[in-house]
Amino acid sequence: MTPENGCDRQDRYGRTLADVLLLDGTNVNHTLVEDGWCWWYRKYAPRDTALEGLEKDAREAKKGLWVDAAPIPPWVSRKVRRA
């Protein structure tokens, strides 16, 4: 994606950061967090209160990865493997 089509944000590796929207208006990012299948990565969406609330609700409901008492975030797992 480019600034012309609405996305000019990238992570430190040059990967595009964007919301994925389906034709029916579904925000896939929100659905994944809501269902507990991924973390809200605060570094790239620090003020996204929708994602914050969805993750909190998923944690409390023990959905998806939150079934585990102590799930390991991917960024921590990668650090451990490198060490």
PDB file of N, CA and C in Angstrom:
ATOM      1  N   MET A   1       0.842  -1.173   0.000  1.00  0.00           N
ATOM      2  CA  MET A   1       0.000   0.000   0.000  1.00  0.00           C
ATOM      3  C   MET A   1       0.888   1.236   0.000  1.00  0.00           C
ATOM      4  N   THR A   2       0.355   2.270  -0.500  1.00  0.00           N
ATOM      5  CA  THR A   2       1.093   3.525  -0.585  1.00  0.00           C
ATOM      6  C   THR A   2       0.272   4.639   0.040  1.00  0.00           C
ATOM      7  N   PRO A   3       0.892   5.811   0.252  1.00  0.00           N
ATOM      8  CA  PRO A   3       0.115   6.925   0.801  1.00  0.00           C
ATOM      9  C   PRO A   3      -1.104   7.272  -0.053  1.00  0.00           C
ATOM     10  N   GLU A   4      -1.026   7.016  -1.358  1.00  0.00           N
ATOM     11  CA  GLU A   4      -2.150   7.332  -2.239  1.00  0.00           C
ATOM     12  C   GLU A   4      -3.387   6.508  -1.900  1.00  0.00           C
ATOM     13  N   ASN A   5      -3.201   5.264  -1.451  1.00  0.00           N
ATOM     14  CA  ASN A   5      -4.380   4.451  -1.139  1.00  0.00           C
ATOM     15  C   ASN A   5      -4.587   4.297   0.364  1.00  0.00           C
ATOM     16  N   GLY A   6      -3.993   5.203   1.129  1.00  0.00           N
ATOM     17  CA  GLY A   6      -4.362   5.302   2.521  1.00  0.00           C
ATOM     18  C   GLY A   6      -3.444   4.672   3.552  1.00  0.00           C
ATOM     19  N   CYS A   7      -2.321   4.111   3.150  1.00  0.00           N
ATOM     20  CA  CYS A   7      -1.451   3.507   4.160  1.00  0.00           C
ATOM     21  C   CYS A   7       0.000   3.859   3.884  1.00  0.00           C
ATOM     22  N   ASP A   8       0.581   4.621   4.800  1.00  0.00           N
ATOM     23  CA  ASP A   8       1.992   4.943   4.670  1.00  0.00           C
ATOM     24  C   ASP A   8       2.762   4.550   5.922  1.00  0.00           C
ATOM     25  N   ARG A   9       2.117   3.791   6.814  1.00  0.00           N
ATOM     26  CA  ARG A   9       2.784   3.369   8.047  1.00  0.00           C
ATOM     27  C   ARG A   9       3.517   2.058   7.807  1.00  0.00           C
ATOM     28  N   GLN A  10       4.716   1.980   8.363  1.00  0.00           N
ATOM     29  CA  GLN A  10       5.513   0.764   8.250  1.00  0.00           C
ATOM     30  C   GLN A  10       6.191   0.483   9.577  1.00  0.00           C
ATOM     31  N   ASP A  11       6.503  -0.803   9.810  1.00  0.00           N
ATOM     32  CA  ASP A  11       7.268  -1.138  11.005  1.00  0.00           C
ATOM     33  C   ASP A  11       8.749  -0.958  10.686  1.00  0.00           C
ATOM     34  N   ARG A  12       9.594  -1.282  11.633  1.00  0.00           N
ATOM     35  CA  ARG A  12      11.033  -1.035  11.439  1.00  0.00           C
ATOM     36  C   ARG A  12      11.654  -1.911  10.357  1.00  0.00           C
ATOM     37  N   TYR A  13      10.936  -2.929   9.905  1.00  0.00           N
ATOM     38  CA  TYR A  13      11.431  -3.794   8.833  1.00  0.00           C
ATOM     39  C   TYR A  13      10.855  -3.407   7.473  1.00  0.00           C
ATOM     40  N   GLY A  14      10.074  -2.332   7.430  1.00  0.00           N
ATOM     41  CA  GLY A  14       9.492  -1.868   6.187  1.00  0.00           C
ATOM     42  C   GLY A  14       8.182  -2.546   5.819  1.00  0.00           C
ATOM     43  N   ARG A  15       7.628  -3.334   6.750  1.00  0.00           N
ATOM     44  CA  ARG A  15       6.350  -4.000   6.485  1.00  0.00           C
ATOM     45  C   ARG A  15       5.207  -3.016   6.690  1.00  0.00           C
ATOM     46  N   THR A  16       4.206  -3.115   5.843  1.00  0.00           N
ATOM     47  CA  THR A  16       3.047  -2.233   5.914  1.00  0.00           C
ATOM     48  C   THR A  16       2.220  -2.517   7.166  1.00  0.00           C
ATOM     49  N   LEU A  17       1.811  -1.456   7.825  1.00  0.00           N
ATOM     50  CA  LEU A  17       0.916  -1.547   8.979  1.00  0.00           C
ATOM     51  C   LEU A  17      -0.426  -0.984   8.543  1.00  0.00           C
ATOM     52  N   ALA A  18      -1.462  -1.798   8.636  1.00  0.00           N
ATOM     53  CA  ALA A  18      -2.766  -1.347   8.155  1.00  0.00           C
ATOM     54  C   ALA A  18      -3.879  -2.138   8.810  1.00  0.00           C
ATOM     55  N   ASP A  19      -5.075  -1.584   8.749  1.00  0.00           N
ATOM     56  CA  ASP A  19      -6.271  -2.316   9.130  1.00  0.00           C
ATOM     57  C   ASP A  19      -6.732  -3.096   7.903  1.00  0.00           C
ATOM     58  N   VAL A  20      -7.172  -4.334   8.112  1.00  0.00           N
ATOM     59  CA  VAL A  20      -7.699  -5.150   7.029  1.00  0.00           C
ATOM     60  C   VAL A  20      -9.216  -5.110   7.131  1.00  0.00           C
ATOM     61  N   LEU A  21      -9.852  -4.577   6.087  1.00  0.00           N
ATOM     62  CA  LEU A  21     -11.304  -4.432   6.071  1.00  0.00           C
ATOM     63  C   LEU A  21     -11.884  -5.282   4.961  1.00  0.00           C
ATOM     64  N   LEU A  22     -12.919  -6.045   5.299  1.00  0.00           N
ATOM     65  CA  LEU A  22     -13.617  -6.847   4.301  1.00  0.00           C
ATOM     66  C   LEU A  22     -14.694  -5.999   3.623  1.00  0.00           C
ATOM     67  N   LEU A  23     -15.183  -6.485   2.505  1.00  0.00           N
ATOM     68  CA  LEU A  23     -16.208  -5.739   1.765  1.00  0.00           C
ATOM     69  C   LEU A  23     -17.455  -5.470   2.588  1.00  0.00           C
ATOM     70  N   ASP A  24     -17.761  -6.370   3.533  1.00  0.00           N
ATOM     71  CA  ASP A  24     -18.952  -6.162   4.367  1.00  0.00           C
ATOM     72  C   ASP A  24     -18.695  -5.203   5.536  1.00  0.00           C
ATOM     73  N   GLY A  25     -17.486  -4.634   5.600  1.00  0.00           N
ATOM     74  CA  GLY A  25     -17.151  -3.675   6.649  1.00  0.00           C
ATOM     75  C   GLY A  25     -16.470  -4.284   7.857  1.00  0.00           C
ATOM     76  N   THR A  26     -16.340  -5.602   7.892  1.00  0.00           N
ATOM     77  CA  THR A  26     -15.682  -6.271   9.014  1.00  0.00           C
ATOM     78  C   THR A  26     -14.224  -5.842   9.096  1.00  0.00           C
ATOM     79  N   ASN A  27     -13.792  -5.454  10.294  1.00  0.00           N
ATOM     80  CA  ASN A  27     -12.388  -5.132  10.542  1.00  0.00           C
ATOM     81  C   ASN A  27     -11.729  -6.417  11.037  1.00  0.00           C
ATOM     82  N   VAL A  28     -10.906  -7.021  10.199  1.00  0.00           N
ATOM     83  CA  VAL A  28     -10.275  -8.303  10.531  1.00  0.00           C
ATOM     84  C   VAL A  28      -9.355  -8.155  11.734  1.00  0.00           C
ATOM     85  N   ASN A  29      -8.658  -7.029  11.849  1.00  0.00           N
ATOM     86  CA  ASN A  29      -7.787  -6.794  13.003  1.00  0.00           C
ATOM     87  C   ASN A  29      -8.589  -6.917  14.297  1.00  0.00           C
ATOM     88  N   HIS A  30      -9.739  -6.256  14.328  1.00  0.00           N
ATOM     89  CA  HIS A  30     -10.592  -6.287  15.520  1.00  0.00           C
ATOM     90  C   HIS A  30     -11.117  -7.698  15.790  1.00  0.00           C
ATOM     91  N   THR A  31     -11.514  -8.393  14.739  1.00  0.00           N
ATOM     92  CA  THR A  31     -12.047  -9.748  14.904  1.00  0.00           C
ATOM     93  C   THR A  31     -10.994 -10.685  15.488  1.00  0.00           C
ATOM     94  N   LEU A  32      -9.765 -10.602  15.006  1.00  0.00           N
ATOM     95  CA  LEU A  32      -8.697 -11.473  15.515  1.00  0.00           C
ATOM     96  C   LEU A  32      -8.417 -11.209  16.994  1.00  0.00           C
ATOM     97  N   VAL A  33      -8.374  -9.942  17.379  1.00  0.00           N
ATOM     98  CA  VAL A  33      -8.137  -9.596  18.789  1.00  0.00           C
ATOM     99  C   VAL A  33      -9.340 -10.003  19.634  1.00  0.00           C
ATOM    100  N   GLU A  34     -10.535  -9.731  19.138  1.00  0.00           N
ATOM    101  CA  GLU A  34     -11.769 -10.051  19.864  1.00  0.00           C
ATOM    102  C   GLU A  34     -11.903 -11.550  20.129  1.00  0.00           C
ATOM    103  N   ASP A  35     -11.485 -12.362  19.175  1.00  0.00           N
ATOM    104  CA  ASP A  35     -11.575 -13.818  19.314  1.00  0.00           C
ATOM    105  C   ASP A  35     -10.379 -14.418  20.050  1.00  0.00           C
ATOM    106  N   GLY A  36      -9.432 -13.558  20.442  1.00  0.00           N
ATOM    107  CA  GLY A  36      -8.290 -14.015  21.225  1.00  0.00           C
ATOM    108  C   GLY A  36      -7.181 -14.667  20.418  1.00  0.00           C
ATOM    109  N   TRP A  37      -7.123 -14.402  19.124  1.00  0.00           N
ATOM    110  CA  TRP A  37      -6.108 -15.067  18.286  1.00  0.00           C
ATOM    111  C   TRP A  37      -4.857 -14.247  18.077  1.00  0.00           C
ATOM    112  N   CYS A  38      -4.829 -13.026  18.613  1.00  0.00           N
ATOM    113  CA  CYS A  38      -3.616 -12.220  18.511  1.00  0.00           C
ATOM    114  C   CYS A  38      -3.612 -11.145  19.589  1.00  0.00           C
ATOM    115  N   TRP A  39      -2.451 -10.575  19.789  1.00  0.00           N
ATOM    116  CA  TRP A  39      -2.269  -9.498  20.747  1.00  0.00           C
ATOM    117  C   TRP A  39      -2.579  -8.166  20.094  1.00  0.00           C
ATOM    118  N   TRP A  40      -2.970  -7.216  20.916  1.00  0.00           N
ATOM    119  CA  TRP A  40      -3.009  -5.815  20.501  1.00  0.00           C
ATOM    120  C   TRP A  40      -1.581  -5.330  20.688  1.00  0.00           C
ATOM    121  N   TYR A  41      -0.903  -5.020  19.597  1.00  0.00           N
ATOM    122  CA  TYR A  41       0.499  -4.597  19.679  1.00  0.00           C
ATOM    123  C   TYR A  41       0.538  -3.090  19.910  1.00  0.00           C
ATOM    124  N   ARG A  42       0.674  -2.726  21.162  1.00  0.00           N
ATOM    125  CA  ARG A  42       0.563  -1.342  21.588  1.00  0.00           C
ATOM    126  C   ARG A  42       1.547  -0.409  20.900  1.00  0.00           C
ATOM    127  N   LYS A  43       2.716  -0.924  20.534  1.00  0.00           N
ATOM    128  CA  LYS A  43       3.741  -0.082  19.922  1.00  0.00           C
ATOM    129  C   LYS A  43       3.228   0.579  18.645  1.00  0.00           C
ATOM    130  N   TYR A  44       2.443  -0.136  17.871  1.00  0.00           N
ATOM    131  CA  TYR A  44       1.988   0.392  16.592  1.00  0.00           C
ATOM    132  C   TYR A  44       0.557   0.921  16.622  1.00  0.00           C
ATOM    133  N   ALA A  45      -0.158   0.701  17.700  1.00  0.00           N
ATOM    134  CA  ALA A  45      -1.521   1.234  17.834  1.00  0.00           C
ATOM    135  C   ALA A  45      -1.750   1.669  19.279  1.00  0.00           C
ATOM    136  N   PRO A  46      -0.901   2.572  19.781  1.00  0.00           N
ATOM    137  CA  PRO A  46      -0.939   2.899  21.213  1.00  0.00           C
ATOM    138  C   PRO A  46      -2.232   3.538  21.703  1.00  0.00           C
ATOM    139  N   ARG A  47      -2.968   4.204  20.840  1.00  0.00           N
ATOM    140  CA  ARG A  47      -4.186   4.883  21.275  1.00  0.00           C
ATOM    141  C   ARG A  47      -5.450   4.218  20.740  1.00  0.00           C
ATOM    142  N   ASP A  48      -5.324   2.971  20.321  1.00  0.00           N
ATOM    143  CA  ASP A  48      -6.490   2.269  19.769  1.00  0.00           C
ATOM    144  C   ASP A  48      -7.293   1.665  20.915  1.00  0.00           C
ATOM    145  N   THR A  49      -8.222   2.452  21.438  1.00  0.00           N
ATOM    146  CA  THR A  49      -9.001   1.992  22.582  1.00  0.00           C
ATOM    147  C   THR A  49      -9.936   0.841  22.218  1.00  0.00           C
ATOM    148  N   ALA A  50     -10.307   0.739  20.950  1.00  0.00           N
ATOM    149  CA  ALA A  50     -11.149  -0.392  20.521  1.00  0.00           C
ATOM    150  C   ALA A  50     -10.372  -1.695  20.681  1.00  0.00           C
ATOM    151  N   LEU A  51      -9.141  -1.732  20.182  1.00  0.00           N
ATOM    152  CA  LEU A  51      -8.325  -2.946  20.317  1.00  0.00           C
ATOM    153  C   LEU A  51      -8.024  -3.236  21.783  1.00  0.00           C
ATOM    154  N   GLU A  52      -7.767  -2.202  22.549  1.00  0.00           N
ATOM    155  CA  GLU A  52      -7.501  -2.369  23.981  1.00  0.00           C
ATOM    156  C   GLU A  52      -8.673  -3.066  24.667  1.00  0.00           C
ATOM    157  N   GLY A  53      -9.873  -2.581  24.408  1.00  0.00           N
ATOM    158  CA  GLY A  53     -11.064  -3.173  25.020  1.00  0.00           C
ATOM    159  C   GLY A  53     -11.333  -4.582  24.544  1.00  0.00           C
ATOM    160  N   LEU A  54     -11.134  -4.822  23.244  1.00  0.00           N
ATOM    161  CA  LEU A  54     -11.358  -6.161  22.695  1.00  0.00           C
ATOM    162  C   LEU A  54     -10.392  -7.173  23.309  1.00  0.00           C
ATOM    163  N   GLU A  55      -9.119  -6.771  23.457  1.00  0.00           N
ATOM    164  CA  GLU A  55      -8.151  -7.697  24.066  1.00  0.00           C
ATOM    165  C   GLU A  55      -8.500  -7.945  25.537  1.00  0.00           C
ATOM    166  N   LYS A  56      -8.862  -6.899  26.239  1.00  0.00           N
ATOM    167  CA  LYS A  56      -9.238  -7.051  27.656  1.00  0.00           C
ATOM    168  C   LYS A  56     -10.396  -8.034  27.797  1.00  0.00           C
ATOM    169  N   ASP A  57     -11.414  -7.872  26.954  1.00  0.00           N
ATOM    170  CA  ASP A  57     -12.571  -8.767  27.001  1.00  0.00           C
ATOM    171  C   ASP A  57     -12.191 -10.204  26.658  1.00  0.00           C
ATOM    172  N   ALA A  58     -11.330 -10.383  25.654  1.00  0.00           N
ATOM    173  CA  ALA A  58     -10.895 -11.728  25.260  1.00  0.00           C
ATOM    174  C   ALA A  58     -10.101 -12.380  26.392  1.00  0.00           C
ATOM    175  N   ARG A  59      -9.231 -11.605  27.039  1.00  0.00           N
ATOM    176  CA  ARG A  59      -8.457 -12.137  28.173  1.00  0.00           C
ATOM    177  C   ARG A  59      -9.394 -12.602  29.284  1.00  0.00           C
ATOM    178  N   GLU A  60     -10.343 -11.741  29.643  1.00  0.00           N
ATOM    179  CA  GLU A  60     -11.261 -12.062  30.730  1.00  0.00           C
ATOM    180  C   GLU A  60     -12.125 -13.277  30.403  1.00  0.00           C
ATOM    181  N   ALA A  61     -12.483 -13.435  29.129  1.00  0.00           N
ATOM    182  CA  ALA A  61     -13.312 -14.568  28.706  1.00  0.00           C
ATOM    183  C   ALA A  61     -12.476 -15.810  28.404  1.00  0.00           C
ATOM    184  N   LYS A  62     -11.149 -15.670  28.517  1.00  0.00           N
ATOM    185  CA  LYS A  62     -10.217 -16.770  28.240  1.00  0.00           C
ATOM    186  C   LYS A  62     -10.474 -17.374  26.853  1.00  0.00           C
ATOM    187  N   LYS A  63     -10.508 -16.490  25.866  1.00  0.00           N
ATOM    188  CA  LYS A  63     -10.697 -16.897  24.476  1.00  0.00           C
ATOM    189  C   LYS A  63      -9.351 -17.065  23.792  1.00  0.00           C
ATOM    190  N   GLY A  64      -9.293 -17.991  22.850  1.00  0.00           N
ATOM    191  CA  GLY A  64      -8.104 -18.143  22.014  1.00  0.00           C
ATOM    192  C   GLY A  64      -6.845 -18.371  22.819  1.00  0.00           C
ATOM    193  N   LEU A  65      -5.831 -17.569  22.560  1.00  0.00           N
ATOM    194  CA  LEU A  65      -4.546 -17.763  23.245  1.00  0.00           C
ATOM    195  C   LEU A  65      -4.632 -17.448  24.722  1.00  0.00           C
ATOM    196  N   TRP A  66      -5.693 -16.782  25.142  1.00  0.00           N
ATOM    197  CA  TRP A  66      -5.857 -16.442  26.560  1.00  0.00           C
ATOM    198  C   TRP A  66      -6.342 -17.624  27.389  1.00  0.00           C
ATOM    199  N   VAL A  67      -6.579 -18.775  26.762  1.00  0.00           N
ATOM    200  CA  VAL A  67      -6.882 -20.004  27.503  1.00  0.00           C
ATOM    201  C   VAL A  67      -5.659 -20.384  28.339  1.00  0.00           C
ATOM    202  N   ASP A  68      -4.486 -20.137  27.778  1.00  0.00           N
ATOM    203  CA  ASP A  68      -3.223 -20.403  28.468  1.00  0.00           C
ATOM    204  C   ASP A  68      -3.077 -19.398  29.612  1.00  0.00           C
ATOM    205  N   ALA A  69      -2.679 -19.861  30.772  1.00  0.00           N
ATOM    206  CA  ALA A  69      -2.531 -18.972  31.934  1.00  0.00           C
ATOM    207  C   ALA A  69      -1.440 -17.924  31.728  1.00  0.00           C
ATOM    208  N   ALA A  70      -0.430 -18.252  30.936  1.00  0.00           N
ATOM    209  CA  ALA A  70       0.676 -17.315  30.712  1.00  0.00           C
ATOM    210  C   ALA A  70       1.155 -17.396  29.266  1.00  0.00           C
ATOM    211  N   PRO A  71       0.342 -16.926  28.320  1.00  0.00           N
ATOM    212  CA  PRO A  71       0.775 -16.977  26.921  1.00  0.00           C
ATOM    213  C   PRO A  71       2.001 -16.093  26.703  1.00  0.00           C
ATOM    214  N   ILE A  72       2.881 -16.518  25.830  1.00  0.00           N
ATOM    215  CA  ILE A  72       4.115 -15.775  25.563  1.00  0.00           C
ATOM    216  C   ILE A  72       3.934 -14.973  24.279  1.00  0.00           C
ATOM    217  N   PRO A  73       4.039 -13.647  24.377  1.00  0.00           N
ATOM    218  CA  PRO A  73       3.895 -12.827  23.180  1.00  0.00           C
ATOM    219  C   PRO A  73       4.989 -13.156  22.159  1.00  0.00           C
ATOM    220  N   PRO A  74       4.698 -13.055  20.879  1.00  0.00           N
ATOM    221  CA  PRO A  74       5.680 -13.408  19.863  1.00  0.00           C
ATOM    222  C   PRO A  74       6.965 -12.596  19.963  1.00  0.00           C
ATOM    223  N   TRP A  75       6.882 -11.308  20.340  1.00  0.00           N
ATOM    224  CA  TRP A  75       8.088 -10.497  20.440  1.00  0.00           C
ATOM    225  C   TRP A  75       8.978 -10.969  21.589  1.00  0.00           C
ATOM    226  N   VAL A  76       8.411 -11.537  22.643  1.00  0.00           N
ATOM    227  CA  VAL A  76       9.210 -12.097  23.742  1.00  0.00           C
ATOM    228  C   VAL A  76       9.811 -13.434  23.303  1.00  0.00           C
ATOM    229  N   SER A  77       9.023 -14.250  22.654  1.00  0.00           N
ATOM    230  CA  SER A  77       9.487 -15.541  22.171  1.00  0.00           C
ATOM    231  C   SER A  77      10.672 -15.382  21.219  1.00  0.00           C
ATOM    232  N   ARG A  78      10.591 -14.414  20.315  1.00  0.00           N
ATOM    233  CA  ARG A  78      11.695 -14.181  19.371  1.00  0.00           C
ATOM    234  C   ARG A  78      12.963 -13.758  20.101  1.00  0.00           C
ATOM    235  N   LYS A  79      12.827 -12.908  21.131  1.00  0.00           N
ATOM    236  CA  LYS A  79      13.993 -12.480  21.907  1.00  0.00           C
ATOM    237  C   LYS A  79      14.663 -13.663  22.587  1.00  0.00           C
ATOM    238  N   VAL A  80      13.850 -14.552  23.158  1.00  0.00           N
ATOM    239  CA  VAL A  80      14.371 -15.727  23.858  1.00  0.00           C
ATOM    240  C   VAL A  80      15.140 -16.623  22.893  1.00  0.00           C
ATOM    241  N   ARG A  81      14.581 -16.821  21.702  1.00  0.00           N
ATOM    242  CA  ARG A  81      15.247 -17.680  20.701  1.00  0.00           C
ATOM    243  C   ARG A  81      16.572 -17.087  20.254  1.00  0.00           C
ATOM    244  N   ARG A  82      16.656 -15.753  20.172  1.00  0.00           N
ATOM    245  CA  ARG A  82      17.902 -15.106  19.726  1.00  0.00           C
ATOM    246  C   ARG A  82      18.997 -15.178  20.788  1.00  0.00           C
ATOM    247  N   ALA A  83      18.588 -15.216  22.052  1.00  0.00           N
ATOM    248  CA  ALA A  83      19.559 -15.183  23.162  1.00  0.00           C
ATOM    249  C   ALA A  83      20.309 -16.499  23.310  1.00  0.00           C
TER     250      ALA A  83
END
